[in-house]
Amino acid sequence: WVENAYELIDSSGEWYLNRSTGYLYYKPLTGENMTTAAVIAPTLQTLL
C-alpha cells in the first residue's frame, strides 16, 4: 500500500501530518467531536 499523503485521506479515522507546514489533518469517525476529542501525538522516543 501507499501511505502518508494528504491526498490519501479518504476514510474516517485517517490522519496526515504535513511536516513542512506543521498542519495535522484528521477525518473524524462517526460521532467524534473534535472540540472534545482527546487527541494525543507521541513525541518522546524513550520513556524510561
ModelCIF file with pLDDT and N, C-alpha, C, O atoms, coordinates in Angstrom:
data_MODEL
#
_entry.id   MODEL 
#
_entity.id                         1 
_entity.type                       polymer 
_entity.pdbx_number_of_molecules   1 
#
_entity_poly.entity_id                      1 
_entity_poly.type                           'polypeptide(L)' 
_entity_poly.nstd_linkage                   no 
_entity_poly.nstd_monomer                   no 
_entity_poly.pdbx_seq_one_letter_code       WVENAYELIDSSGEWYLNRSTGYLYYKPLTGENMTTAAVIAPTLQTLL 
_entity_poly.pdbx_seq_one_letter_code_can   WVENAYELIDSSGEWYLNRSTGYLYYKPLTGENMTTAAVIAPTLQTLL 
_entity_poly.pdbx_strand_id                 A 
#
loop_
_entity_poly_seq.entity_id 
_entity_poly_seq.num 
_entity_poly_seq.mon_id 
_entity_poly_seq.hetero 
1 1  TRP n 
1 2  VAL n 
1 3  GLU n 
1 4  ASN n 
1 5  ALA n 
1 6  TYR n 
1 7  GLU n 
1 8  LEU n 
1 9  ILE n 
1 10 ASP n 
1 11 SER n 
1 12 SER n 
1 13 GLY n 
1 14 GLU n 
1 15 TRP n 
1 16 TYR n 
1 17 LEU n 
1 18 ASN n 
1 19 ARG n 
1 20 SER n 
1 21 THR n 
1 22 GLY n 
1 23 TYR n 
1 24 LEU n 
1 25 TYR n 
1 26 TYR n 
1 27 LYS n 
1 28 PRO n 
1 29 LEU n 
1 30 THR n 
1 31 GLY n 
1 32 GLU n 
1 33 ASN n 
1 34 MET n 
1 35 THR n 
1 36 THR n 
1 37 ALA n 
1 38 ALA n 
1 39 VAL n 
1 40 ILE n 
1 41 ALA n 
1 42 PRO n 
1 43 THR n 
1 44 LEU n 
1 45 GLN n 
1 46 THR n 
1 47 LEU n 
1 48 LEU n 
#
_struct_asym.id          A 
_struct_asym.entity_id   1 
#
loop_
_ma_qa_metric.id 
_ma_qa_metric.mode 
_ma_qa_metric.name 
_ma_qa_metric.software_group_id 
_ma_qa_metric.type 
1 global pLDDT . pLDDT 
2 local  pLDDT . pLDDT 
#
_ma_qa_metric_global.metric_id      1 
_ma_qa_metric_global.metric_value   97.65 
_ma_qa_metric_global.model_id       1 
_ma_qa_metric_global.ordinal_id     1 
#
loop_
_ma_qa_metric_local.label_asym_id 
_ma_qa_metric_local.label_comp_id 
_ma_qa_metric_local.label_seq_id 
_ma_qa_metric_local.metric_id 
_ma_qa_metric_local.metric_value 
_ma_qa_metric_local.model_id 
_ma_qa_metric_local.ordinal_id 
A TRP 1  2 98.00 1 1  
A VAL 2  2 98.00 1 2  
A GLU 3  2 98.00 1 3  
A ASN 4  2 98.00 1 4  
A ALA 5  2 98.00 1 5  
A TYR 6  2 98.00 1 6  
A GLU 7  2 98.00 1 7  
A LEU 8  2 98.00 1 8  
A ILE 9  2 98.00 1 9  
A ASP 10 2 96.00 1 10 
A SER 11 2 98.00 1 11 
A SER 12 2 98.00 1 12 
A GLY 13 2 98.00 1 13 
A GLU 14 2 98.00 1 14 
A TRP 15 2 98.00 1 15 
A TYR 16 2 98.00 1 16 
A LEU 17 2 98.00 1 17 
A ASN 18 2 98.00 1 18 
A ARG 19 2 96.00 1 19 
A SER 20 2 96.00 1 20 
A THR 21 2 97.00 1 21 
A GLY 22 2 98.00 1 22 
A TYR 23 2 98.00 1 23 
A LEU 24 2 98.00 1 24 
A TYR 25 2 98.00 1 25 
A TYR 26 2 98.00 1 26 
A LYS 27 2 98.00 1 27 
A PRO 28 2 98.00 1 28 
A LEU 29 2 98.00 1 29 
A THR 30 2 96.00 1 30 
A GLY 31 2 95.00 1 31 
A GLU 32 2 97.00 1 32 
A ASN 33 2 97.00 1 33 
A MET 34 2 98.00 1 34 
A THR 35 2 97.00 1 35 
A THR 36 2 97.00 1 36 
A ALA 37 2 98.00 1 37 
A ALA 38 2 98.00 1 38 
A VAL 39 2 98.00 1 39 
A ILE 40 2 98.00 1 40 
A ALA 41 2 98.00 1 41 
A PRO 42 2 98.00 1 42 
A THR 43 2 97.00 1 43 
A LEU 44 2 98.00 1 44 
A GLN 45 2 98.00 1 45 
A THR 46 2 98.00 1 46 
A LEU 47 2 98.00 1 47 
A LEU 48 2 98.00 1 48 
#
loop_
_atom_site.group_PDB 
_atom_site.id 
_atom_site.type_symbol 
_atom_site.label_atom_id 
_atom_site.label_alt_id 
_atom_site.label_comp_id 
_atom_site.label_asym_id 
_atom_site.label_entity_id 
_atom_site.label_seq_id 
_atom_site.pdbx_PDB_ins_code 
_atom_site.Cartn_x 
_atom_site.Cartn_y 
_atom_site.Cartn_z 
_atom_site.occupancy 
_atom_site.B_iso_or_equiv 
_atom_site.pdbx_formal_charge 
_atom_site.auth_seq_id 
_atom_site.auth_comp_id 
_atom_site.auth_asym_id 
_atom_site.auth_atom_id 
_atom_site.pdbx_PDB_model_num 
ATOM 1   N N  . TRP A 1 1  ? 0.839   -1.191 0.000  1.00 98.00 ? 1  TRP A N  1 
ATOM 2   C CA . TRP A 1 1  ? 0.000   0.000  0.000  1.00 98.00 ? 1  TRP A CA 1 
ATOM 3   C C  . TRP A 1 1  ? 0.877   1.245  0.000  1.00 98.00 ? 1  TRP A C  1 
ATOM 4   O O  . TRP A 1 1  ? 2.079   1.163  0.253  1.00 98.00 ? 1  TRP A O  1 
ATOM 5   N N  . VAL A 1 2  ? 0.279   2.392  -0.282 1.00 98.00 ? 2  VAL A N  1 
ATOM 6   C CA . VAL A 1 2  ? 0.939   3.696  -0.250 1.00 98.00 ? 2  VAL A CA 1 
ATOM 7   C C  . VAL A 1 2  ? 0.432   4.433  0.976  1.00 98.00 ? 2  VAL A C  1 
ATOM 8   O O  . VAL A 1 2  ? -0.758  4.380  1.284  1.00 98.00 ? 2  VAL A O  1 
ATOM 9   N N  . GLU A 1 3  ? 1.337   5.132  1.689  1.00 98.00 ? 3  GLU A N  1 
ATOM 10  C CA . GLU A 1 3  ? 0.964   5.737  2.969  1.00 98.00 ? 3  GLU A CA 1 
ATOM 11  C C  . GLU A 1 3  ? 1.555   7.143  3.108  1.00 98.00 ? 3  GLU A C  1 
ATOM 12  O O  . GLU A 1 3  ? 2.585   7.472  2.519  1.00 98.00 ? 3  GLU A O  1 
ATOM 13  N N  . ASN A 1 4  ? 0.873   7.943  3.899  1.00 98.00 ? 4  ASN A N  1 
ATOM 14  C CA . ASN A 1 4  ? 1.361   9.238  4.364  1.00 98.00 ? 4  ASN A CA 1 
ATOM 15  C C  . ASN A 1 4  ? 1.363   10.310 3.268  1.00 98.00 ? 4  ASN A C  1 
ATOM 16  O O  . ASN A 1 4  ? 2.400   10.888 2.944  1.00 98.00 ? 4  ASN A O  1 
ATOM 17  N N  . ALA A 1 5  ? 0.183   10.557 2.711  1.00 98.00 ? 5  ALA A N  1 
ATOM 18  C CA . ALA A 1 5  ? -0.039  11.688 1.811  1.00 98.00 ? 5  ALA A CA 1 
ATOM 19  C C  . ALA A 1 5  ? -1.418  12.261 2.111  1.00 98.00 ? 5  ALA A C  1 
ATOM 20  O O  . ALA A 1 5  ? -2.370  11.524 2.371  1.00 98.00 ? 5  ALA A O  1 
ATOM 21  N N  . TYR A 1 6  ? -1.509  13.578 2.072  1.00 98.00 ? 6  TYR A N  1 
ATOM 22  C CA . TYR A 1 6  ? -2.821  14.207 2.301  1.00 98.00 ? 6  TYR A CA 1 
ATOM 23  C C  . TYR A 1 6  ? -3.835  13.686 1.294  1.00 98.00 ? 6  TYR A C  1 
ATOM 24  O O  . TYR A 1 6  ? -5.009  13.511 1.620  1.00 98.00 ? 6  TYR A O  1 
ATOM 25  N N  . GLU A 1 7  ? -3.387  13.442 0.090  1.00 98.00 ? 7  GLU A N  1 
ATOM 26  C CA . GLU A 1 7  ? -4.282  13.008 -0.982 1.00 98.00 ? 7  GLU A CA 1 
ATOM 27  C C  . GLU A 1 7  ? -4.893  11.636 -0.722 1.00 98.00 ? 7  GLU A C  1 
ATOM 28  O O  . GLU A 1 7  ? -5.821  11.235 -1.423 1.00 98.00 ? 7  GLU A O  1 
ATOM 29  N N  . LEU A 1 8  ? -4.392  10.918 0.265  1.00 98.00 ? 8  LEU A N  1 
ATOM 30  C CA . LEU A 1 8  ? -4.909  9.582  0.583  1.00 98.00 ? 8  LEU A CA 1 
ATOM 31  C C  . LEU A 1 8  ? -5.946  9.593  1.696  1.00 98.00 ? 8  LEU A C  1 
ATOM 32  O O  . LEU A 1 8  ? -6.477  8.539  2.049  1.00 98.00 ? 8  LEU A O  1 
ATOM 33  N N  . ILE A 1 9  ? -6.248  10.765 2.260  1.00 98.00 ? 9  ILE A N  1 
ATOM 34  C CA . ILE A 1 9  ? -7.283  10.815 3.303  1.00 98.00 ? 9  ILE A CA 1 
ATOM 35  C C  . ILE A 1 9  ? -8.637  10.654 2.640  1.00 98.00 ? 9  ILE A C  1 
ATOM 36  O O  . ILE A 1 9  ? -9.193  11.609 2.098  1.00 98.00 ? 9  ILE A O  1 
ATOM 37  N N  . ASP A 1 10 ? -9.160  9.442  2.688  1.00 96.00 ? 10 ASP A N  1 
ATOM 38  C CA . ASP A 1 10 ? -10.463 9.181  2.069  1.00 96.00 ? 10 ASP A CA 1 
ATOM 39  C C  . ASP A 1 10 ? -11.389 8.367  2.961  1.00 96.00 ? 10 ASP A C  1 
ATOM 40  O O  . ASP A 1 10 ? -12.535 8.107  2.596  1.00 96.00 ? 10 ASP A O  1 
ATOM 41  N N  . SER A 1 11 ? -10.895 7.963  4.136  1.00 98.00 ? 11 SER A N  1 
ATOM 42  C CA . SER A 1 11 ? -11.711 7.170  5.060  1.00 98.00 ? 11 SER A CA 1 
ATOM 43  C C  . SER A 1 11 ? -11.703 7.817  6.435  1.00 98.00 ? 11 SER A C  1 
ATOM 44  O O  . SER A 1 11 ? -10.701 8.403  6.846  1.00 98.00 ? 11 SER A O  1 
ATOM 45  N N  . SER A 1 12 ? -12.810 7.710  7.141  1.00 98.00 ? 12 SER A N  1 
ATOM 46  C CA . SER A 1 12 ? -12.880 8.234  8.502  1.00 98.00 ? 12 SER A CA 1 
ATOM 47  C C  . SER A 1 12 ? -11.844 7.541  9.379  1.00 98.00 ? 12 SER A C  1 
ATOM 48  O O  . SER A 1 12 ? -11.611 6.339  9.248  1.00 98.00 ? 12 SER A O  1 
ATOM 49  N N  . GLY A 1 13 ? -11.220 8.313  10.280 1.00 98.00 ? 13 GLY A N  1 
ATOM 50  C CA . GLY A 1 13 ? -10.196 7.772  11.158 1.00 98.00 ? 13 GLY A CA 1 
ATOM 51  C C  . GLY A 1 13 ? -8.795  7.891  10.611 1.00 98.00 ? 13 GLY A C  1 
ATOM 52  O O  . GLY A 1 13 ? -7.850  7.422  11.246 1.00 98.00 ? 13 GLY A O  1 
ATOM 53  N N  . GLU A 1 14 ? -8.626  8.516  9.433  1.00 98.00 ? 14 GLU A N  1 
ATOM 54  C CA . GLU A 1 14 ? -7.294  8.679  8.849  1.00 98.00 ? 14 GLU A CA 1 
ATOM 55  C C  . GLU A 1 14 ? -6.726  10.061 9.161  1.00 98.00 ? 14 GLU A C  1 
ATOM 56  O O  . GLU A 1 14 ? -7.470  11.027 9.329  1.00 98.00 ? 14 GLU A O  1 
ATOM 57  N N  . TRP A 1 15 ? -5.393  10.138 9.235  1.00 98.00 ? 15 TRP A N  1 
ATOM 58  C CA . TRP A 1 15 ? -4.719  11.396 9.560  1.00 98.00 ? 15 TRP A CA 1 
ATOM 59  C C  . TRP A 1 15 ? -3.454  11.561 8.719  1.00 98.00 ? 15 TRP A C  1 
ATOM 60  O O  . TRP A 1 15 ? -2.919  10.607 8.157  1.00 98.00 ? 15 TRP A O  1 
ATOM 61  N N  . TYR A 1 16 ? -3.001  12.817 8.659  1.00 98.00 ? 16 TYR A N  1 
ATOM 62  C CA . TYR A 1 16 ? -1.778  13.129 7.916  1.00 98.00 ? 16 TYR A CA 1 
ATOM 63  C C  . TYR A 1 16 ? -1.124  14.344 8.550  1.00 98.00 ? 16 TYR A C  1 
ATOM 64  O O  . TYR A 1 16 ? -1.785  15.345 8.825  1.00 98.00 ? 16 TYR A O  1 
ATOM 65  N N  . LEU A 1 17 ? 0.206   14.247 8.784  1.00 98.00 ? 17 LEU A N  1 
ATOM 66  C CA . LEU A 1 17 ? 0.989   15.371 9.295  1.00 98.00 ? 17 LEU A CA 1 
ATOM 67  C C  . LEU A 1 17 ? 1.815   15.956 8.157  1.00 98.00 ? 17 LEU A C  1 
ATOM 68  O O  . LEU A 1 17 ? 2.657   15.269 7.578  1.00 98.00 ? 17 LEU A O  1 
ATOM 69  N N  . ASN A 1 18 ? 1.573   17.224 7.836  1.00 98.00 ? 18 ASN A N  1 
ATOM 70  C CA . ASN A 1 18 ? 2.413   17.936 6.872  1.00 98.00 ? 18 ASN A CA 1 
ATOM 71  C C  . ASN A 1 18 ? 3.592   18.512 7.643  1.00 98.00 ? 18 ASN A C  1 
ATOM 72  O O  . ASN A 1 18 ? 3.461   19.529 8.325  1.00 98.00 ? 18 ASN A O  1 
ATOM 73  N N  . ARG A 1 19 ? 4.752   17.851 7.532  1.00 96.00 ? 19 ARG A N  1 
ATOM 74  C CA . ARG A 1 19 ? 5.910   18.262 8.323  1.00 96.00 ? 19 ARG A CA 1 
ATOM 75  C C  . ARG A 1 19 ? 6.451   19.615 7.878  1.00 96.00 ? 19 ARG A C  1 
ATOM 76  O O  . ARG A 1 19 ? 7.132   20.294 8.645  1.00 96.00 ? 19 ARG A O  1 
ATOM 77  N N  . SER A 1 20 ? 6.150   20.010 6.638  1.00 96.00 ? 20 SER A N  1 
ATOM 78  C CA . SER A 1 20 ? 6.650   21.289 6.127  1.00 96.00 ? 20 SER A CA 1 
ATOM 79  C C  . SER A 1 20 ? 5.888   22.476 6.709  1.00 96.00 ? 20 SER A C  1 
ATOM 80  O O  . SER A 1 20 ? 6.485   23.499 7.044  1.00 96.00 ? 20 SER A O  1 
ATOM 81  N N  . THR A 1 21 ? 4.575   22.338 6.829  1.00 97.00 ? 21 THR A N  1 
ATOM 82  C CA . THR A 1 21 ? 3.741   23.454 7.305  1.00 97.00 ? 21 THR A CA 1 
ATOM 83  C C  . THR A 1 21 ? 3.374   23.339 8.777  1.00 97.00 ? 21 THR A C  1 
ATOM 84  O O  . THR A 1 21 ? 2.979   24.325 9.398  1.00 97.00 ? 21 THR A O  1 
ATOM 85  N N  . GLY A 1 22 ? 3.504   22.128 9.344  1.00 98.00 ? 22 GLY A N  1 
ATOM 86  C CA . GLY A 1 22 ? 3.114   21.921 10.730 1.00 98.00 ? 22 GLY A CA 1 
ATOM 87  C C  . GLY A 1 22 ? 1.634   21.691 10.924 1.00 98.00 ? 22 GLY A C  1 
ATOM 88  O O  . GLY A 1 22 ? 1.158   21.704 12.059 1.00 98.00 ? 22 GLY A O  1 
ATOM 89  N N  . TYR A 1 23 ? 0.890   21.481 9.851  1.00 98.00 ? 23 TYR A N  1 
ATOM 90  C CA . TYR A 1 23 ? -0.546  21.212 9.982  1.00 98.00 ? 23 TYR A CA 1 
ATOM 91  C C  . TYR A 1 23 ? -0.801  19.706 10.063 1.00 98.00 ? 23 TYR A C  1 
ATOM 92  O O  . TYR A 1 23 ? -0.261  18.922 9.283  1.00 98.00 ? 23 TYR A O  1 
ATOM 93  N N  . LEU A 1 24 ? -1.636  19.328 11.028 1.00 98.00 ? 24 LEU A N  1 
ATOM 94  C CA . LEU A 1 24 ? -2.072  17.956 11.211 1.00 98.00 ? 24 LEU A CA 1 
ATOM 95  C C  . LEU A 1 24 ? -3.526  17.861 10.764 1.00 98.00 ? 24 LEU A C  1 
ATOM 96  O O  . LEU A 1 24 ? -4.365  18.654 11.191 1.00 98.00 ? 24 LEU A O  1 
ATOM 97  N N  . TYR A 1 25 ? -3.822  16.894 9.908  1.00 98.00 ? 25 TYR A N  1 
ATOM 98  C CA . TYR A 1 25 ? -5.166  16.726 9.341  1.00 98.00 ? 25 TYR A CA 1 
ATOM 99  C C  . TYR A 1 25 ? -5.772  15.425 9.845  1.00 98.00 ? 25 TYR A C  1 
ATOM 100 O O  . TYR A 1 25 ? -5.071  14.430 10.027 1.00 98.00 ? 25 TYR A O  1 
ATOM 101 N N  . TYR A 1 26 ? -7.074  15.443 10.068 1.00 98.00 ? 26 TYR A N  1 
ATOM 102 C CA . TYR A 1 26 ? -7.762  14.248 10.570 1.00 98.00 ? 26 TYR A CA 1 
ATOM 103 C C  . TYR A 1 26 ? -9.212  14.252 10.089 1.00 98.00 ? 26 TYR A C  1 
ATOM 104 O O  . TYR A 1 26 ? -9.892  15.278 10.104 1.00 98.00 ? 26 TYR A O  1 
ATOM 105 N N  . LYS A 1 27 ? -9.659  13.082 9.665  1.00 98.00 ? 27 LYS A N  1 
ATOM 106 C CA . LYS A 1 27 ? -11.050 12.888 9.242  1.00 98.00 ? 27 LYS A CA 1 
ATOM 107 C C  . LYS A 1 27 ? -11.754 12.081 10.324 1.00 98.00 ? 27 LYS A C  1 
ATOM 108 O O  . LYS A 1 27 ? -11.508 10.880 10.441 1.00 98.00 ? 27 LYS A O  1 
ATOM 109 N N  . PRO A 1 28 ? -12.622 12.703 11.119 1.00 98.00 ? 28 PRO A N  1 
ATOM 110 C CA . PRO A 1 28 ? -13.170 12.029 12.313 1.00 98.00 ? 28 PRO A CA 1 
ATOM 111 C C  . PRO A 1 28 ? -14.033 10.820 11.963 1.00 98.00 ? 28 PRO A C  1 
ATOM 112 O O  . PRO A 1 28 ? -14.648 10.740 10.899 1.00 98.00 ? 28 PRO A O  1 
ATOM 113 N N  . LEU A 1 29 ? -14.049 9.898  12.899 1.00 98.00 ? 29 LEU A N  1 
ATOM 114 C CA . LEU A 1 29 ? -15.001 8.799  12.842 1.00 98.00 ? 29 LEU A CA 1 
ATOM 115 C C  . LEU A 1 29 ? -16.400 9.325  13.153 1.00 98.00 ? 29 LEU A C  1 
ATOM 116 O O  . LEU A 1 29 ? -16.551 10.390 13.752 1.00 98.00 ? 29 LEU A O  1 
ATOM 117 N N  . THR A 1 30 ? -17.398 8.588  12.752 1.00 96.00 ? 30 THR A N  1 
ATOM 118 C CA . THR A 1 30 ? -18.775 8.969  13.054 1.00 96.00 ? 30 THR A CA 1 
ATOM 119 C C  . THR A 1 30 ? -18.957 9.121  14.562 1.00 96.00 ? 30 THR A C  1 
ATOM 120 O O  . THR A 1 30 ? -18.626 8.220  15.333 1.00 96.00 ? 30 THR A O  1 
ATOM 121 N N  . GLY A 1 31 ? -19.482 10.256 14.964 1.00 95.00 ? 31 GLY A N  1 
ATOM 122 C CA . GLY A 1 31 ? -19.730 10.512 16.380 1.00 95.00 ? 31 GLY A CA 1 
ATOM 123 C C  . GLY A 1 31 ? -18.604 11.203 17.105 1.00 95.00 ? 31 GLY A C  1 
ATOM 124 O O  . GLY A 1 31 ? -18.785 11.631 18.245 1.00 95.00 ? 31 GLY A O  1 
ATOM 125 N N  . GLU A 1 32 ? -17.428 11.330 16.475 1.00 97.00 ? 32 GLU A N  1 
ATOM 126 C CA . GLU A 1 32 ? -16.326 12.039 17.127 1.00 97.00 ? 32 GLU A CA 1 
ATOM 127 C C  . GLU A 1 32 ? -16.508 13.547 16.989 1.00 97.00 ? 32 GLU A C  1 
ATOM 128 O O  . GLU A 1 32 ? -16.786 14.061 15.905 1.00 97.00 ? 32 GLU A O  1 
ATOM 129 N N  . ASN A 1 33 ? -16.344 14.239 18.109 1.00 97.00 ? 33 ASN A N  1 
ATOM 130 C CA . ASN A 1 33 ? -16.455 15.706 18.148 1.00 97.00 ? 33 ASN A CA 1 
ATOM 131 C C  . ASN A 1 33 ? -15.055 16.259 18.386 1.00 97.00 ? 33 ASN A C  1 
ATOM 132 O O  . ASN A 1 33 ? -14.452 16.014 19.431 1.00 97.00 ? 33 ASN A O  1 
ATOM 133 N N  . MET A 1 34 ? -14.545 17.004 17.415 1.00 98.00 ? 34 MET A N  1 
ATOM 134 C CA . MET A 1 34 ? -13.150 17.436 17.511 1.00 98.00 ? 34 MET A CA 1 
ATOM 135 C C  . MET A 1 34 ? -12.941 18.541 18.546 1.00 98.00 ? 34 MET A C  1 
ATOM 136 O O  . MET A 1 34 ? -11.798 18.872 18.862 1.00 98.00 ? 34 MET A O  1 
ATOM 137 N N  . THR A 1 35 ? -13.991 19.102 19.065 1.00 97.00 ? 35 THR A N  1 
ATOM 138 C CA . THR A 1 35 ? -13.819 20.080 20.154 1.00 97.00 ? 35 THR A CA 1 
ATOM 139 C C  . THR A 1 35 ? -13.638 19.385 21.497 1.00 97.00 ? 35 THR A C  1 
ATOM 140 O O  . THR A 1 35 ? -13.122 19.981 22.443 1.00 97.00 ? 35 THR A O  1 
ATOM 141 N N  . THR A 1 36 ? -14.056 18.135 21.582 1.00 97.00 ? 36 THR A N  1 
ATOM 142 C CA . THR A 1 36 ? -13.947 17.413 22.852 1.00 97.00 ? 36 THR A CA 1 
ATOM 143 C C  . THR A 1 36 ? -13.062 16.163 22.756 1.00 97.00 ? 36 THR A C  1 
ATOM 144 O O  . THR A 1 36 ? -12.715 15.580 23.783 1.00 97.00 ? 36 THR A O  1 
ATOM 145 N N  . ALA A 1 37 ? -12.694 15.748 21.546 1.00 98.00 ? 37 ALA A N  1 
ATOM 146 C CA . ALA A 1 37 ? -11.897 14.530 21.388 1.00 98.00 ? 37 ALA A CA 1 
ATOM 147 C C  . ALA A 1 37 ? -10.524 14.694 22.037 1.00 98.00 ? 37 ALA A C  1 
ATOM 148 O O  . ALA A 1 37 ? -9.902  15.753 21.945 1.00 98.00 ? 37 ALA A O  1 
ATOM 149 N N  . ALA A 1 38 ? -10.064 13.633 22.693 1.00 98.00 ? 38 ALA A N  1 
ATOM 150 C CA . ALA A 1 38 ? -8.716  13.619 23.257 1.00 98.00 ? 38 ALA A CA 1 
ATOM 151 C C  . ALA A 1 38 ? -7.764  13.094 22.194 1.00 98.00 ? 38 ALA A C  1 
ATOM 152 O O  . ALA A 1 38 ? -7.744  11.897 21.909 1.00 98.00 ? 38 ALA A O  1 
ATOM 153 N N  . VAL A 1 39 ? -6.969  13.995 21.602 1.00 98.00 ? 39 VAL A N  1 
ATOM 154 C CA . VAL A 1 39 ? -6.053  13.632 20.518 1.00 98.00 ? 39 VAL A CA 1 
ATOM 155 C C  . VAL A 1 39 ? -4.630  13.760 21.046 1.00 98.00 ? 39 VAL A C  1 
ATOM 156 O O  . VAL A 1 39 ? -4.220  14.830 21.496 1.00 98.00 ? 39 VAL A O  1 
ATOM 157 N N  . ILE A 1 40 ? -3.883  12.669 20.988 1.00 98.00 ? 40 ILE A N  1 
ATOM 158 C CA . ILE A 1 40 ? -2.531  12.649 21.540 1.00 98.00 ? 40 ILE A CA 1 
ATOM 159 C C  . ILE A 1 40 ? -1.552  12.181 20.471 1.00 98.00 ? 40 ILE A C  1 
ATOM 160 O O  . ILE A 1 40 ? -1.737  11.132 19.853 1.00 98.00 ? 40 ILE A O  1 
ATOM 161 N N  . ALA A 1 41 ? -0.503  12.982 20.263 1.00 98.00 ? 41 ALA A N  1 
ATOM 162 C CA . ALA A 1 41 ? 0.594   12.615 19.372 1.00 98.00 ? 41 ALA A CA 1 
ATOM 163 C C  . ALA A 1 41 ? 1.792   12.216 20.219 1.00 98.00 ? 41 ALA A C  1 
ATOM 164 O O  . ALA A 1 41 ? 2.242   13.015 21.040 1.00 98.00 ? 41 ALA A O  1 
ATOM 165 N N  . PRO A 1 42 ? 2.325   11.006 20.051 1.00 98.00 ? 42 PRO A N  1 
ATOM 166 C CA . PRO A 1 42 ? 3.511   10.605 20.820 1.00 98.00 ? 42 PRO A CA 1 
ATOM 167 C C  . PRO A 1 42 ? 4.751   11.276 20.239 1.00 98.00 ? 42 PRO A C  1 
ATOM 168 O O  . PRO A 1 42 ? 5.039   11.130 19.051 1.00 98.00 ? 42 PRO A O  1 
ATOM 169 N N  . THR A 1 43 ? 5.477   12.005 21.064 1.00 97.00 ? 43 THR A N  1 
ATOM 170 C CA . THR A 1 43 ? 6.619   12.777 20.564 1.00 97.00 ? 43 THR A CA 1 
ATOM 171 C C  . THR A 1 43 ? 7.941   12.411 21.230 1.00 97.00 ? 43 THR A C  1 
ATOM 172 O O  . THR A 1 43 ? 9.000   12.751 20.703 1.00 97.00 ? 43 THR A O  1 
ATOM 173 N N  . LEU A 1 44 ? 7.909   11.728 22.372 1.00 98.00 ? 44 LEU A N  1 
ATOM 174 C CA . LEU A 1 44 ? 9.137   11.285 23.035 1.00 98.00 ? 44 LEU A CA 1 
ATOM 175 C C  . LEU A 1 44 ? 9.478   9.881  22.536 1.00 98.00 ? 44 LEU A C  1 
ATOM 176 O O  . LEU A 1 44 ? 8.584   9.059  22.336 1.00 98.00 ? 44 LEU A O  1 
ATOM 177 N N  . GLN A 1 45 ? 10.760  9.605  22.335 1.00 98.00 ? 45 GLN A N  1 
ATOM 178 C CA . GLN A 1 45 ? 11.141  8.290  21.810 1.00 98.00 ? 45 GLN A CA 1 
ATOM 179 C C  . GLN A 1 45 ? 11.502  7.284  22.910 1.00 98.00 ? 45 GLN A C  1 
ATOM 180 O O  . GLN A 1 45 ? 11.363  6.079  22.700 1.00 98.00 ? 45 GLN A O  1 
ATOM 181 N N  . THR A 1 46 ? 11.958  7.747  24.061 1.00 98.00 ? 46 THR A N  1 
ATOM 182 C CA . THR A 1 46 ? 12.272  6.847  25.173 1.00 98.00 ? 46 THR A CA 1 
ATOM 183 C C  . THR A 1 46 ? 11.609  7.380  26.429 1.00 98.00 ? 46 THR A C  1 
ATOM 184 O O  . THR A 1 46 ? 11.884  8.504  26.850 1.00 98.00 ? 46 THR A O  1 
ATOM 185 N N  . LEU A 1 47 ? 10.739  6.580  27.030 1.00 98.00 ? 47 LEU A N  1 
ATOM 186 C CA . LEU A 1 47 ? 10.056  6.996  28.260 1.00 98.00 ? 47 LEU A CA 1 
ATOM 187 C C  . LEU A 1 47 ? 10.942  6.761  29.480 1.00 98.00 ? 47 LEU A C  1 
ATOM 188 O O  . LEU A 1 47 ? 11.085  7.639  30.331 1.00 98.00 ? 47 LEU A O  1 
ATOM 189 N N  . LEU A 1 48 ? 11.535  5.569  29.558 1.00 98.00 ? 48 LEU A N  1 
ATOM 190 C CA . LEU A 1 48 ? 12.369  5.198  30.700 1.00 98.00 ? 48 LEU A CA 1 
ATOM 191 C C  . LEU A 1 48 ? 13.613  4.509  30.187 1.00 98.00 ? 48 LEU A C  1 
ATOM 192 O O  . LEU A 1 48 ? 14.466  4.106  30.978 1.00 98.00 ? 48 LEU A O  1 
#
